[in-house]
N, C-alpha and C. Protein backbone atom coordinates (compact mmCIF):
# COMPACT_ATOMS: atom_id res chain seq x y z
N MET A 1 70.29 160.85 184.26
CA MET A 1 70.40 161.81 185.33
C MET A 1 71.79 161.64 185.96
N LEU A 2 72.50 162.71 186.11
CA LEU A 2 73.82 162.72 186.70
C LEU A 2 73.67 163.13 188.15
N TYR A 3 74.22 162.35 189.08
CA TYR A 3 73.99 162.76 190.45
C TYR A 3 75.04 162.36 191.46
N HIS A 4 74.94 163.03 192.57
CA HIS A 4 75.75 162.87 193.76
C HIS A 4 74.77 163.13 194.90
N TYR A 5 75.09 162.76 196.13
CA TYR A 5 74.15 163.01 197.22
C TYR A 5 74.28 164.42 197.76
N ALA A 6 73.16 165.01 198.07
CA ALA A 6 73.13 166.31 198.73
C ALA A 6 72.08 166.24 199.82
N ALA A 7 72.35 166.90 200.91
CA ALA A 7 71.41 166.83 202.03
C ALA A 7 70.23 167.74 201.80
N LEU A 8 69.03 167.18 201.96
CA LEU A 8 67.82 167.99 201.96
C LEU A 8 67.50 168.35 203.41
N SER A 9 67.77 167.43 204.31
CA SER A 9 67.68 167.64 205.74
C SER A 9 68.57 166.59 206.36
N THR A 10 68.62 166.50 207.66
CA THR A 10 69.53 165.50 208.26
C THR A 10 69.07 164.08 208.01
N ASP A 11 67.79 163.85 207.74
CA ASP A 11 67.29 162.49 207.55
C ASP A 11 66.87 162.20 206.11
N ASN A 12 66.90 163.18 205.25
CA ASN A 12 66.35 163.00 203.91
C ASN A 12 67.42 163.31 202.87
N TRP A 13 67.78 162.32 202.06
CA TRP A 13 68.83 162.48 201.05
C TRP A 13 68.24 162.24 199.68
N ALA A 14 68.68 163.00 198.71
CA ALA A 14 68.17 162.83 197.36
C ALA A 14 69.28 163.12 196.36
N PRO A 15 69.23 162.46 195.22
CA PRO A 15 70.23 162.73 194.20
C PRO A 15 69.97 164.08 193.54
N ILE A 16 71.05 164.77 193.15
CA ILE A 16 70.91 166.00 192.39
C ILE A 16 71.70 165.84 191.11
N MET A 17 71.36 166.60 190.09
CA MET A 17 72.03 166.47 188.81
C MET A 17 73.17 167.46 188.69
N SER A 18 74.38 167.00 188.39
CA SER A 18 75.54 167.79 188.02
C SER A 18 76.80 167.31 188.71
N PHE A 19 77.95 167.72 188.16
CA PHE A 19 79.21 167.57 188.88
C PHE A 19 79.12 168.60 189.98
N LEU A 20 79.54 168.26 191.17
CA LEU A 20 79.44 169.20 192.27
C LEU A 20 80.62 170.15 192.27
N PRO A 21 80.37 171.40 192.66
CA PRO A 21 81.48 172.35 192.75
C PRO A 21 82.48 171.87 193.81
N LEU A 22 83.72 172.23 193.65
CA LEU A 22 84.75 171.77 194.57
C LEU A 22 84.53 172.26 195.99
N ARG A 23 83.77 173.33 196.18
CA ARG A 23 83.58 173.89 197.52
C ARG A 23 82.32 173.40 198.22
N HIS A 24 81.60 172.43 197.69
CA HIS A 24 80.40 171.95 198.38
C HIS A 24 80.79 171.17 199.64
N ASP A 25 79.83 170.91 200.50
CA ASP A 25 80.07 170.19 201.75
C ASP A 25 80.12 168.68 201.46
N HIS A 26 81.29 168.19 201.09
CA HIS A 26 81.45 166.79 200.70
C HIS A 26 81.25 165.86 201.89
N GLY A 27 81.45 166.36 203.09
CA GLY A 27 81.21 165.56 204.29
C GLY A 27 79.77 165.10 204.37
N ARG A 28 78.85 165.93 203.93
CA ARG A 28 77.44 165.55 203.93
C ARG A 28 77.17 164.47 202.88
N CYS A 29 77.86 164.55 201.74
CA CYS A 29 77.73 163.50 200.72
C CYS A 29 78.19 162.16 201.30
N ILE A 30 79.34 162.20 201.97
CA ILE A 30 79.92 160.99 202.53
C ILE A 30 78.98 160.38 203.56
N SER A 31 78.49 161.22 204.51
CA SER A 31 77.59 160.68 205.55
C SER A 31 76.32 160.10 204.96
N GLY A 32 75.75 160.79 203.97
CA GLY A 32 74.53 160.28 203.34
C GLY A 32 74.75 158.97 202.62
N ALA A 33 75.85 158.89 201.88
CA ALA A 33 76.15 157.65 201.14
C ALA A 33 76.42 156.50 202.10
N LEU A 34 77.16 156.77 203.18
CA LEU A 34 77.46 155.71 204.14
C LEU A 34 76.21 155.25 204.88
N LYS A 35 75.31 156.18 205.16
CA LYS A 35 74.05 155.83 205.83
C LYS A 35 73.22 154.91 204.92
N ILE A 36 73.08 155.29 203.66
CA ILE A 36 72.29 154.48 202.72
C ILE A 36 72.98 153.13 202.49
N SER A 37 74.30 153.12 202.40
CA SER A 37 75.04 151.87 202.22
C SER A 37 74.86 150.95 203.43
N GLY A 38 74.90 151.53 204.62
CA GLY A 38 74.68 150.74 205.84
C GLY A 38 73.28 150.16 205.87
N ASP A 39 72.29 150.98 205.49
CA ASP A 39 70.90 150.51 205.44
C ASP A 39 70.75 149.35 204.46
N LYS A 40 71.38 149.49 203.29
CA LYS A 40 71.28 148.43 202.28
C LYS A 40 71.95 147.16 202.79
N SER A 41 73.12 147.30 203.39
CA SER A 41 73.83 146.13 203.92
C SER A 41 72.99 145.40 204.95
N ARG A 42 72.38 146.14 205.86
CA ARG A 42 71.53 145.52 206.89
C ARG A 42 70.32 144.85 206.25
N SER A 43 69.71 145.50 205.26
CA SER A 43 68.51 144.91 204.63
C SER A 43 68.84 143.63 203.87
N LEU A 44 70.07 143.49 203.41
CA LEU A 44 70.50 142.27 202.69
C LEU A 44 71.25 141.30 203.60
N SER A 45 71.32 141.64 204.87
CA SER A 45 72.05 140.82 205.86
C SER A 45 73.52 140.64 205.47
N LEU A 46 74.14 141.71 204.99
CA LEU A 46 75.55 141.68 204.63
C LEU A 46 76.35 142.31 205.77
N ARG A 47 77.54 141.79 206.00
CA ARG A 47 78.40 142.36 207.05
C ARG A 47 79.28 143.44 206.45
N LEU A 48 79.03 144.66 206.85
CA LEU A 48 79.89 145.77 206.45
C LEU A 48 80.94 145.91 207.56
N THR A 49 81.99 145.07 207.46
CA THR A 49 83.03 145.02 208.49
C THR A 49 83.76 146.35 208.58
N LYS A 50 84.61 146.47 209.59
CA LYS A 50 85.39 147.70 209.78
C LYS A 50 86.23 148.01 208.54
N VAL A 51 86.88 146.99 207.99
CA VAL A 51 87.74 147.19 206.81
C VAL A 51 86.88 147.58 205.60
N ARG A 52 85.76 146.90 205.39
CA ARG A 52 84.88 147.23 204.27
C ARG A 52 84.35 148.66 204.40
N HIS A 53 83.96 149.03 205.61
CA HIS A 53 83.46 150.37 205.85
C HIS A 53 84.54 151.42 205.58
N LYS A 54 85.77 151.12 206.02
CA LYS A 54 86.88 152.06 205.81
C LYS A 54 87.15 152.25 204.32
N VAL A 55 87.14 151.16 203.56
CA VAL A 55 87.38 151.27 202.12
C VAL A 55 86.25 152.05 201.45
N LEU A 56 85.01 151.75 201.81
CA LEU A 56 83.86 152.48 201.24
C LEU A 56 83.95 153.96 201.58
N GLU A 57 84.26 154.27 202.81
CA GLU A 57 84.40 155.67 203.22
C GLU A 57 85.52 156.35 202.43
N THR A 58 86.61 155.64 202.23
CA THR A 58 87.74 156.19 201.47
C THR A 58 87.36 156.44 200.02
N LEU A 59 86.59 155.52 199.44
CA LEU A 59 86.13 155.74 198.06
C LEU A 59 85.31 157.02 197.97
N TRP A 60 84.50 157.27 199.00
CA TRP A 60 83.67 158.48 199.01
C TRP A 60 84.47 159.73 199.33
N GLN A 61 85.50 159.61 200.15
CA GLN A 61 86.29 160.78 200.53
C GLN A 61 87.09 161.31 199.35
N ASN A 62 87.54 160.42 198.49
CA ASN A 62 88.30 160.85 197.32
C ASN A 62 87.33 161.41 196.29
N ARG A 63 87.71 162.48 195.69
CA ARG A 63 86.85 163.11 194.69
C ARG A 63 87.07 162.50 193.31
N LYS A 64 87.95 161.52 193.24
CA LYS A 64 88.18 160.83 191.97
C LYS A 64 88.30 159.34 192.25
N PRO A 65 88.13 158.53 191.23
CA PRO A 65 88.23 157.07 191.41
C PRO A 65 89.57 156.67 192.01
N LEU A 66 89.55 155.61 192.81
CA LEU A 66 90.73 155.16 193.53
C LEU A 66 91.11 153.75 193.07
N GLY A 67 92.38 153.55 192.77
CA GLY A 67 92.86 152.23 192.37
C GLY A 67 93.02 151.30 193.56
N ALA A 68 93.13 150.03 193.30
CA ALA A 68 93.27 149.04 194.37
C ALA A 68 94.54 149.27 195.18
N HIS A 69 95.63 149.67 194.53
CA HIS A 69 96.88 149.89 195.27
C HIS A 69 96.77 151.10 196.18
N GLY A 70 96.01 152.10 195.78
CA GLY A 70 95.74 153.23 196.67
C GLY A 70 94.95 152.79 197.88
N THR A 71 94.05 151.84 197.68
CA THR A 71 93.26 151.29 198.77
C THR A 71 94.16 150.54 199.75
N ILE A 72 95.13 149.79 199.24
CA ILE A 72 96.06 149.05 200.09
C ILE A 72 96.83 150.02 200.98
N ASP A 73 97.30 151.12 200.40
CA ASP A 73 98.04 152.10 201.19
C ASP A 73 97.19 152.66 202.33
N LEU A 74 95.92 152.86 202.07
CA LEU A 74 95.03 153.42 203.08
C LEU A 74 94.67 152.41 204.17
N LEU A 75 94.78 151.13 203.86
CA LEU A 75 94.45 150.08 204.83
C LEU A 75 95.60 149.71 205.74
N GLN A 76 96.78 150.25 205.48
CA GLN A 76 97.93 149.85 206.29
C GLN A 76 97.75 150.31 207.74
N GLU A 77 98.14 149.45 208.64
CA GLU A 77 98.10 149.75 210.07
C GLU A 77 99.45 149.42 210.67
N ASP A 78 99.92 150.26 211.54
CA ASP A 78 101.20 150.04 212.22
C ASP A 78 102.33 149.77 211.23
N GLY A 79 102.29 150.43 210.08
CA GLY A 79 103.35 150.27 209.10
C GLY A 79 103.30 148.99 208.30
N ARG A 80 102.30 148.13 208.56
CA ARG A 80 102.19 146.87 207.81
C ARG A 80 101.21 147.05 206.66
N HIS A 81 101.59 146.60 205.49
CA HIS A 81 100.70 146.63 204.33
C HIS A 81 99.91 145.33 204.29
N PRO A 82 98.59 145.40 204.14
CA PRO A 82 97.84 144.15 203.98
C PRO A 82 98.15 143.56 202.60
N ALA A 83 97.94 142.28 202.46
CA ALA A 83 98.15 141.63 201.16
C ALA A 83 97.19 142.26 200.15
N SER A 84 97.62 142.37 198.91
CA SER A 84 96.78 142.99 197.89
C SER A 84 95.46 142.25 197.72
N ILE A 85 95.45 140.96 198.01
CA ILE A 85 94.21 140.18 197.88
C ILE A 85 93.13 140.72 198.82
N VAL A 86 93.53 141.27 199.97
CA VAL A 86 92.57 141.84 200.92
C VAL A 86 91.83 143.00 200.27
N ALA A 87 92.57 143.91 199.64
CA ALA A 87 91.94 145.06 198.98
C ALA A 87 91.01 144.60 197.86
N TYR A 88 91.47 143.65 197.06
CA TYR A 88 90.63 143.17 195.96
C TYR A 88 89.38 142.47 196.46
N ARG A 89 89.49 141.71 197.53
CA ARG A 89 88.31 141.04 198.09
C ARG A 89 87.30 142.06 198.62
N VAL A 90 87.80 143.07 199.31
CA VAL A 90 86.92 144.11 199.84
C VAL A 90 86.24 144.86 198.70
N LEU A 91 87.01 145.24 197.69
CA LEU A 91 86.43 145.97 196.55
C LEU A 91 85.41 145.11 195.81
N ASN A 92 85.72 143.83 195.61
CA ASN A 92 84.76 142.93 194.96
C ASN A 92 83.48 142.79 195.78
N PHE A 93 83.62 142.70 197.11
CA PHE A 93 82.45 142.64 197.98
C PHE A 93 81.59 143.89 197.79
N LEU A 94 82.22 145.06 197.80
CA LEU A 94 81.48 146.32 197.67
C LEU A 94 80.77 146.41 196.31
N ILE A 95 81.41 145.92 195.26
CA ILE A 95 80.78 145.93 193.93
C ILE A 95 79.60 144.97 193.91
N GLU A 96 79.82 143.75 194.38
CA GLU A 96 78.73 142.76 194.35
C GLU A 96 77.56 143.15 195.25
N ALA A 97 77.85 143.91 196.31
CA ALA A 97 76.79 144.38 197.20
C ALA A 97 76.08 145.60 196.63
N GLY A 98 76.60 146.13 195.52
CA GLY A 98 75.99 147.30 194.90
C GLY A 98 76.37 148.61 195.58
N LEU A 99 77.51 148.61 196.29
CA LEU A 99 77.93 149.80 197.03
C LEU A 99 79.06 150.56 196.34
N ALA A 100 79.62 149.97 195.29
CA ALA A 100 80.72 150.61 194.56
C ALA A 100 80.66 150.19 193.10
N HIS A 101 81.39 150.93 192.28
CA HIS A 101 81.50 150.63 190.84
C HIS A 101 82.98 150.53 190.48
N ARG A 102 83.27 149.74 189.48
CA ARG A 102 84.62 149.66 188.92
C ARG A 102 84.61 150.38 187.58
N LEU A 103 85.56 151.28 187.41
CA LEU A 103 85.72 151.96 186.13
C LEU A 103 86.86 151.24 185.40
N SER A 104 86.48 150.42 184.44
CA SER A 104 87.46 149.57 183.75
C SER A 104 88.56 150.35 183.07
N SER A 105 88.22 151.47 182.43
CA SER A 105 89.22 152.23 181.69
C SER A 105 90.31 152.79 182.60
N ARG A 106 90.01 152.96 183.87
CA ARG A 106 90.97 153.50 184.83
C ARG A 106 91.46 152.44 185.82
N ASN A 107 90.88 151.24 185.75
CA ASN A 107 91.13 150.20 186.74
C ASN A 107 91.05 150.81 188.14
N ALA A 108 89.94 151.51 188.36
CA ALA A 108 89.74 152.24 189.61
C ALA A 108 88.30 152.07 190.07
N PHE A 109 88.03 152.51 191.29
CA PHE A 109 86.74 152.26 191.92
C PHE A 109 86.18 153.56 192.49
N ILE A 110 84.83 153.65 192.50
CA ILE A 110 84.15 154.78 193.12
C ILE A 110 82.96 154.25 193.92
N GLY A 111 82.58 155.00 194.93
CA GLY A 111 81.40 154.63 195.69
C GLY A 111 80.16 154.81 194.84
N CYS A 112 79.16 153.97 195.04
CA CYS A 112 77.92 154.05 194.28
C CYS A 112 77.05 155.16 194.85
N SER A 113 76.63 156.09 194.01
CA SER A 113 75.82 157.21 194.47
C SER A 113 74.36 156.83 194.70
N ASP A 114 73.96 155.66 194.26
CA ASP A 114 72.58 155.21 194.50
C ASP A 114 72.56 153.70 194.69
N PRO A 115 73.02 153.23 195.86
CA PRO A 115 73.11 151.78 196.07
C PRO A 115 71.76 151.09 196.12
N LYS A 116 70.67 151.84 196.15
CA LYS A 116 69.34 151.22 196.15
C LYS A 116 68.96 150.78 194.74
N ASP A 117 69.61 151.35 193.72
CA ASP A 117 69.27 151.08 192.33
C ASP A 117 70.22 150.04 191.76
N ASN A 118 69.90 149.57 190.53
CA ASN A 118 70.79 148.60 189.89
C ASN A 118 72.08 149.27 189.44
N HIS A 119 73.00 148.52 188.94
CA HIS A 119 74.30 149.06 188.58
C HIS A 119 74.51 149.25 187.09
N GLU A 120 73.44 149.36 186.37
CA GLU A 120 73.57 149.65 184.95
C GLU A 120 73.68 151.17 184.81
N ALA A 121 74.84 151.65 184.43
CA ALA A 121 75.04 153.09 184.41
C ALA A 121 76.08 153.51 183.40
N GLN A 122 76.13 154.78 183.21
CA GLN A 122 77.15 155.40 182.39
C GLN A 122 77.92 156.34 183.32
N PHE A 123 79.21 156.51 183.03
CA PHE A 123 80.04 157.36 183.87
C PHE A 123 80.69 158.43 183.02
N LEU A 124 80.69 159.64 183.52
CA LEU A 124 81.39 160.75 182.89
C LEU A 124 82.69 160.92 183.68
N ILE A 125 83.82 160.88 182.98
CA ILE A 125 85.13 160.95 183.63
C ILE A 125 85.90 162.13 183.07
N CYS A 126 86.31 163.04 183.95
CA CYS A 126 87.04 164.22 183.51
C CYS A 126 88.49 163.85 183.22
N GLU A 127 88.97 164.23 182.05
CA GLU A 127 90.35 163.93 181.64
C GLU A 127 91.36 164.79 182.38
N GLN A 128 90.92 165.93 182.93
CA GLN A 128 91.88 166.80 183.61
C GLN A 128 91.99 166.52 185.10
N CYS A 129 90.89 166.53 185.82
CA CYS A 129 90.95 166.34 187.27
C CYS A 129 90.65 164.89 187.68
N GLU A 130 90.23 164.06 186.73
CA GLU A 130 89.93 162.64 186.93
C GLU A 130 88.72 162.39 187.82
N SER A 131 87.90 163.42 188.07
CA SER A 131 86.68 163.18 188.83
C SER A 131 85.72 162.38 187.95
N ALA A 132 84.78 161.71 188.58
CA ALA A 132 83.82 160.89 187.84
C ALA A 132 82.43 161.11 188.40
N ALA A 133 81.44 161.01 187.55
CA ALA A 133 80.05 161.13 187.98
C ALA A 133 79.25 160.05 187.28
N LYS A 134 78.27 159.54 188.00
CA LYS A 134 77.40 158.50 187.46
C LYS A 134 76.23 159.16 186.74
N LEU A 135 75.97 158.70 185.54
CA LEU A 135 74.88 159.23 184.74
C LEU A 135 73.82 158.15 184.61
N GLU A 136 72.67 158.38 185.19
CA GLU A 136 71.57 157.42 185.11
C GLU A 136 70.68 157.83 183.95
N GLU A 137 70.69 157.08 182.92
CA GLU A 137 69.88 157.39 181.74
C GLU A 137 69.06 156.18 181.34
N ARG A 138 67.80 156.19 181.65
CA ARG A 138 66.90 155.09 181.28
C ARG A 138 66.85 154.91 179.76
N PRO A 139 66.79 155.99 178.94
CA PRO A 139 66.75 155.77 177.48
C PRO A 139 67.96 155.01 176.95
N THR A 140 69.13 155.25 177.52
CA THR A 140 70.33 154.53 177.07
C THR A 140 70.20 153.04 177.39
N LYS A 141 69.76 152.73 178.61
CA LYS A 141 69.58 151.34 179.00
C LYS A 141 68.54 150.68 178.09
N ASN A 142 67.45 151.37 177.83
CA ASN A 142 66.41 150.82 176.96
C ASN A 142 66.94 150.58 175.55
N ALA A 143 67.73 151.51 175.03
CA ALA A 143 68.29 151.36 173.69
C ALA A 143 69.22 150.15 173.62
N ILE A 144 70.02 149.95 174.65
CA ILE A 144 70.93 148.80 174.69
C ILE A 144 70.11 147.50 174.71
N GLU A 145 69.08 147.46 175.55
CA GLU A 145 68.25 146.24 175.64
C GLU A 145 67.52 145.96 174.33
N GLU A 146 66.99 147.00 173.70
CA GLU A 146 66.28 146.81 172.43
C GLU A 146 67.23 146.34 171.33
N THR A 147 68.40 146.95 171.26
CA THR A 147 69.37 146.60 170.22
C THR A 147 69.88 145.18 170.40
N THR A 148 70.21 144.80 171.63
CA THR A 148 70.74 143.46 171.85
C THR A 148 69.65 142.40 171.70
N ALA A 149 68.41 142.75 171.96
CA ALA A 149 67.30 141.80 171.79
C ALA A 149 67.13 141.43 170.32
N THR A 150 67.45 142.36 169.41
CA THR A 150 67.28 142.07 167.98
C THR A 150 68.25 140.98 167.51
N VAL A 151 69.34 140.78 168.24
CA VAL A 151 70.29 139.73 167.88
C VAL A 151 70.28 138.60 168.92
N ASP A 152 69.22 138.57 169.72
CA ASP A 152 69.01 137.53 170.72
C ASP A 152 70.19 137.42 171.69
N PHE A 153 70.67 138.57 172.14
CA PHE A 153 71.78 138.63 173.08
C PHE A 153 71.24 139.09 174.42
N ARG A 154 71.50 138.33 175.47
CA ARG A 154 71.02 138.68 176.82
C ARG A 154 72.11 139.42 177.57
N VAL A 155 71.86 140.67 177.92
CA VAL A 155 72.83 141.49 178.64
C VAL A 155 72.76 141.19 180.13
N HIS A 156 73.91 140.91 180.72
CA HIS A 156 73.97 140.71 182.17
C HIS A 156 74.39 141.99 182.88
N HIS A 157 75.22 142.78 182.23
CA HIS A 157 75.72 144.01 182.85
C HIS A 157 76.26 144.92 181.75
N HIS A 158 76.09 146.21 181.94
CA HIS A 158 76.76 147.14 181.05
C HIS A 158 77.25 148.34 181.85
N ALA A 159 78.35 148.89 181.41
CA ALA A 159 78.90 150.11 182.00
C ALA A 159 79.55 150.88 180.86
N ILE A 160 79.15 152.10 180.69
CA ILE A 160 79.69 152.95 179.63
C ILE A 160 80.49 154.06 180.28
N GLU A 161 81.70 154.28 179.80
CA GLU A 161 82.57 155.32 180.35
C GLU A 161 82.83 156.36 179.28
N ILE A 162 82.46 157.59 179.59
CA ILE A 162 82.58 158.70 178.65
C ILE A 162 83.59 159.70 179.23
N THR A 163 84.63 160.01 178.45
CA THR A 163 85.64 160.95 178.94
C THR A 163 85.44 162.31 178.30
N GLY A 164 85.84 163.33 179.04
CA GLY A 164 85.71 164.70 178.57
C GLY A 164 86.23 165.64 179.64
N ILE A 165 85.72 166.86 179.65
CA ILE A 165 86.14 167.87 180.62
C ILE A 165 84.94 168.31 181.45
N CYS A 166 85.04 168.20 182.77
CA CYS A 166 83.93 168.55 183.66
C CYS A 166 83.76 170.07 183.73
N PRO A 167 82.59 170.51 184.23
CA PRO A 167 82.36 171.95 184.35
C PRO A 167 83.38 172.67 185.23
N ASN A 168 83.84 172.02 186.30
CA ASN A 168 84.84 172.66 187.18
C ASN A 168 86.13 172.95 186.44
N CYS A 169 86.57 172.05 185.57
CA CYS A 169 87.82 172.25 184.83
C CYS A 169 87.63 173.17 183.63
N GLN A 170 86.41 173.31 183.15
CA GLN A 170 86.15 174.20 182.03
C GLN A 170 86.21 175.66 182.45
N SER A 171 85.93 175.92 183.73
CA SER A 171 85.91 177.34 184.16
C SER A 171 87.24 177.83 184.64
């Protein structure tokens, strides 16, 4: 299932399937994702500090994956750049908390569209606009687990990145 957040009402959020059109209300996606991320952080007793929240919000505001150096630029205050280690620590925290994903092929990061779920996913990445969408496919995960079990290999994590052209760029 490919999804992004869409508002069903002010208190009820659900994933929908598809790349979203460029004209949708992305502000509602951001608020819903941040609300769910905040809920998850509180339930796990994690501190979503001001800097962590700003980076997470920035990941959601961008319609495409963001690199660590882009994150550093966004974190600058009063003309001072934070050390790159700050950005990497924040991004690693968000990944380990299940609030963001790293796209290895792009060395970039995106907000997690379903932080309540595990992070075993596939990503569709548009070669033209560089937007990305998370594809939740239980059959793919099951196939990976069955195949690796036949060779007695224990999977700790998998992420599959598929490149192509999104519907917005095709039209």
